[in-house]
Amino acid sequence: MTTHTPVNDLHTALAPLPALRSLGDLADCRPVIVVDTREQTPLVFSNLASVTGTLQSGDYSIRGLENSFAVERKSIPDLVSCCTGENRERFERELHRLRGFRFKRLLIVGTRAEVEQHRYRSNLAPKVVMGSLAAWEIRFDVPVVWAAPHEAAALIEQWSWYFAREVVAQANHLWRGTRTSLSPTVSDHDGSCHP
């Protein structure tokens, strides 16, 4: 399981994404976080704009990248309740849907110590909760990240900005590739290309 390092260096305003000027308005854009309509106590974001929308998977995503980026957020009580019975089955179906996402995280708002020291209202043993997390991380290929309550929103903003930056960088490479040469290339048997 991934242990989160505090987000200390996140600037108060994230820079625009590094797009080519030829991509028009995209050059001055920042990602917009989508908060699922079912999120009962949504996080408050201070560096990126957010909107409410219906997400198929996860609690938080990026507008326009809803099928690629998802963060499932759980408080310690929510996490514990997801470890047994019908809640476990429902949660595992949610984690299964996340498998197809390029970026996915299970964000636990709280600390490992809270679980390991049984600081929650349930008779469920801490080893069951921790074992479930380990199994889910492996079975569903969803990294688990722990964050203090005051860090969770900044962490989602950071992930959103860096993920969107990578998407824009790939678009830039694609655009440059189409503009580099209008003449066709011929591939040799050794895999190299020549004009």
Protein backbone atom coordinates (compact mmCIF):
# COMPACT_ATOMS: atom_id res chain seq x y z
CA MET A 1 0.00 0.00 0.00
CA THR A 2 1.22 3.46 -0.83
CA THR A 3 1.86 5.83 2.04
CA HIS A 4 1.22 9.41 1.08
CA THR A 5 3.80 12.12 1.64
CA PRO A 6 2.13 15.42 2.61
CA VAL A 7 1.44 17.84 -0.20
CA ASN A 8 3.54 20.81 0.89
CA ASP A 9 4.75 22.23 -2.39
CA LEU A 10 1.44 22.56 -4.20
CA HIS A 11 1.29 26.14 -5.39
CA THR A 12 -1.77 28.16 -4.49
CA ALA A 13 -2.65 28.34 -8.18
CA LEU A 14 -1.68 25.54 -10.54
CA ALA A 15 -0.22 26.70 -13.84
CA PRO A 16 -2.06 26.29 -17.15
CA LEU A 17 -1.41 23.02 -18.91
CA PRO A 18 1.62 22.99 -21.26
CA ALA A 19 -0.21 22.80 -24.59
CA LEU A 20 0.93 24.08 -27.92
CA ARG A 21 -0.53 27.44 -28.84
CA SER A 22 -1.83 25.79 -32.02
CA LEU A 23 -4.20 23.75 -29.89
CA GLY A 24 -6.16 26.95 -29.27
CA ASP A 25 -7.90 27.46 -25.95
CA LEU A 26 -6.39 24.27 -24.54
CA ALA A 27 -3.12 26.15 -24.05
CA ASP A 28 -4.63 28.20 -21.22
CA CYS A 29 -6.81 25.55 -19.58
CA ARG A 30 -6.69 23.94 -16.18
CA PRO A 31 -8.44 20.65 -15.44
CA VAL A 32 -11.88 20.80 -13.85
CA ILE A 33 -12.60 18.23 -11.15
CA VAL A 34 -15.92 16.39 -11.37
CA VAL A 35 -17.48 15.48 -8.02
CA ASP A 36 -19.99 12.65 -8.16
CA THR A 37 -23.57 13.66 -7.33
CA ARG A 38 -23.76 10.84 -4.78
CA GLU A 39 -20.83 12.21 -2.75
CA GLN A 40 -22.49 13.21 0.53
CA THR A 41 -19.72 15.40 1.96
CA PRO A 42 -17.66 16.52 -1.04
CA LEU A 43 -14.16 17.84 -0.60
CA VAL A 44 -13.60 21.56 -1.14
CA PHE A 45 -10.99 22.37 -3.77
CA SER A 46 -9.01 25.60 -3.61
CA ASN A 47 -6.65 25.35 -6.61
CA LEU A 48 -8.85 23.87 -9.34
CA ALA A 49 -12.48 24.46 -10.28
CA SER A 50 -14.97 21.70 -9.60
CA VAL A 51 -18.42 20.77 -10.86
CA THR A 52 -20.97 18.21 -9.79
CA GLY A 53 -21.80 15.40 -12.20
CA THR A 54 -22.84 11.78 -12.34
CA LEU A 55 -19.83 9.50 -12.54
CA GLN A 56 -20.06 5.84 -13.57
CA SER A 57 -17.12 4.99 -11.30
CA GLY A 58 -15.35 6.75 -8.46
CA ASP A 59 -16.16 9.84 -6.45
CA TYR A 60 -13.85 12.29 -8.25
CA SER A 61 -12.70 12.59 -11.85
CA ILE A 62 -11.63 15.18 -14.44
CA ARG A 63 -14.11 16.73 -16.87
CA GLY A 64 -13.52 15.18 -20.29
CA LEU A 65 -11.49 12.32 -18.80
CA GLU A 66 -14.24 10.61 -16.81
CA ASN A 67 -13.46 7.24 -18.43
CA SER A 68 -9.72 7.47 -17.73
CA PHE A 69 -9.33 9.03 -14.27
CA ALA A 70 -11.12 8.05 -11.04
CA VAL A 71 -10.53 8.49 -7.34
CA GLU A 72 -12.67 6.49 -4.93
CA ARG A 73 -12.63 8.20 -1.52
CA LYS A 74 -13.39 6.40 1.74
CA SER A 75 -13.38 7.62 5.32
CA ILE A 76 -12.26 5.11 7.95
CA PRO A 77 -15.88 4.29 8.96
CA ASP A 78 -16.85 3.88 5.26
CA LEU A 79 -13.85 1.63 4.68
CA VAL A 80 -14.68 -0.59 7.63
CA SER A 81 -18.30 -0.93 6.51
CA CYS A 82 -17.10 -1.99 3.02
CA CYS A 83 -15.29 -5.00 4.46
CA THR A 84 -18.29 -7.23 5.17
CA GLY A 85 -21.52 -8.54 3.69
CA GLU A 86 -23.48 -6.78 0.95
CA ASN A 87 -21.38 -3.61 1.29
CA ARG A 88 -18.27 -5.64 0.44
CA GLU A 89 -19.90 -7.13 -2.65
CA ARG A 90 -21.08 -3.70 -3.84
CA PHE A 91 -17.67 -2.12 -3.18
CA GLU A 92 -15.82 -4.90 -4.98
CA ARG A 93 -18.04 -4.34 -8.04
CA GLU A 94 -17.00 -0.67 -7.90
CA LEU A 95 -13.32 -1.61 -7.67
CA HIS A 96 -13.77 -4.03 -10.56
CA ARG A 97 -15.11 -1.18 -12.75
CA LEU A 98 -12.00 0.87 -11.91
CA ARG A 99 -9.69 -1.77 -13.39
CA GLY A 100 -10.13 -0.31 -16.88
CA PHE A 101 -9.10 3.22 -15.84
CA ARG A 102 -5.68 4.54 -16.73
CA PHE A 103 -5.47 6.39 -13.40
CA LYS A 104 -7.30 5.04 -10.38
CA ARG A 105 -6.80 5.41 -6.66
CA LEU A 106 -8.51 4.29 -3.49
CA LEU A 107 -8.00 7.31 -1.24
CA ILE A 108 -8.43 6.53 2.45
CA VAL A 109 -9.01 9.72 4.40
CA GLY A 110 -7.40 8.91 7.71
CA THR A 111 -4.33 7.04 8.91
CA ARG A 112 -3.22 3.43 9.01
CA ALA A 113 -2.77 3.87 12.75
CA GLU A 114 -6.51 4.57 13.15
CA VAL A 115 -7.25 1.17 11.62
CA GLU A 116 -4.36 -0.76 13.16
CA GLN A 117 -5.18 0.59 16.65
CA HIS A 118 -8.90 -0.16 16.16
CA ARG A 119 -9.97 3.48 16.51
CA TYR A 120 -13.33 2.99 14.79
CA ARG A 121 -16.80 1.86 15.86
CA SER A 122 -17.06 -1.74 14.76
CA ASN A 123 -16.22 -5.15 16.11
CA LEU A 124 -14.41 -5.94 12.87
CA ALA A 125 -10.77 -6.72 13.65
CA PRO A 126 -8.12 -4.39 12.22
CA LYS A 127 -6.37 -7.34 10.52
CA VAL A 128 -9.57 -7.98 8.52
CA VAL A 129 -9.68 -4.36 7.31
CA MET A 130 -5.95 -4.29 6.47
CA GLY A 131 -6.18 -7.71 4.81
CA SER A 132 -9.11 -6.54 2.70
CA LEU A 133 -7.16 -3.46 1.57
CA ALA A 134 -4.15 -5.59 0.60
CA ALA A 135 -6.34 -8.04 -1.30
CA TRP A 136 -8.22 -5.27 -3.14
CA GLU A 137 -5.00 -3.50 -4.11
CA ILE A 138 -3.68 -6.69 -5.71
CA ARG A 139 -6.92 -8.14 -7.06
CA PHE A 140 -8.20 -4.93 -8.65
CA ASP A 141 -4.88 -3.18 -9.37
CA VAL A 142 -6.03 -0.10 -7.47
CA PRO A 143 -3.32 1.64 -5.44
CA VAL A 144 -4.35 2.52 -1.89
CA VAL A 145 -3.25 5.94 -0.62
CA TRP A 146 -3.72 7.26 2.92
CA ALA A 147 -4.15 10.99 3.48
CA ALA A 148 -4.98 13.22 6.41
CA PRO A 149 -8.36 14.95 6.02
CA HIS A 150 -6.77 18.35 5.37
CA GLU A 151 -4.58 16.89 2.58
CA ALA A 152 -7.16 14.90 0.59
CA ALA A 153 -8.45 17.72 -1.63
CA ALA A 154 -4.95 19.00 -2.46
CA LEU A 155 -3.86 15.48 -3.32
CA ILE A 156 -6.76 15.01 -5.77
CA GLU A 157 -5.96 18.41 -7.30
CA GLN A 158 -2.32 17.40 -7.74
CA TRP A 159 -3.21 14.06 -9.32
CA SER A 160 -5.74 15.77 -11.62
CA TRP A 161 -3.29 18.40 -12.80
CA TYR A 162 -0.46 15.95 -13.48
CA PHE A 163 -2.73 13.46 -15.22
CA ALA A 164 -4.23 16.18 -17.43
CA ARG A 165 -0.72 17.46 -18.17
CA GLU A 166 0.28 14.00 -19.44
CA VAL A 167 -2.83 13.80 -21.63
CA VAL A 168 -2.01 17.22 -23.11
CA ALA A 169 1.64 16.21 -23.63
CA GLN A 170 0.47 13.14 -25.56
CA ALA A 171 -1.84 15.33 -27.66
CA ASN A 172 1.11 17.63 -28.35
CA HIS A 173 3.25 14.67 -29.48
CA LEU A 174 0.45 13.43 -31.70
CA TRP A 175 -0.04 16.88 -33.20
CA ARG A 176 3.70 17.32 -33.78
CA GLY A 177 3.85 13.88 -35.37
CA THR A 178 1.20 14.84 -37.90
CA ARG A 179 2.95 18.14 -38.68
CA THR A 180 6.58 16.97 -38.76
CA SER A 181 6.53 15.58 -42.23
CA LEU A 182 3.82 15.48 -44.80
CA SER A 183 5.87 13.10 -46.96
CA PRO A 184 5.25 9.40 -46.37
CA THR A 185 7.96 7.30 -44.83
CA VAL A 186 9.07 3.86 -45.86
CA SER A 187 9.94 1.30 -43.22
CA ASP A 188 12.96 -0.95 -43.72
CA HIS A 189 12.96 -4.51 -42.51
CA ASP A 190 15.07 -3.44 -39.51
CA GLY A 191 12.21 -1.24 -38.29
CA SER A 192 13.84 2.10 -39.08
CA CYS A 193 11.96 4.66 -41.16
CA HIS A 194 13.31 6.71 -44.06
CA PRO A 195 11.63 9.43 -46.12
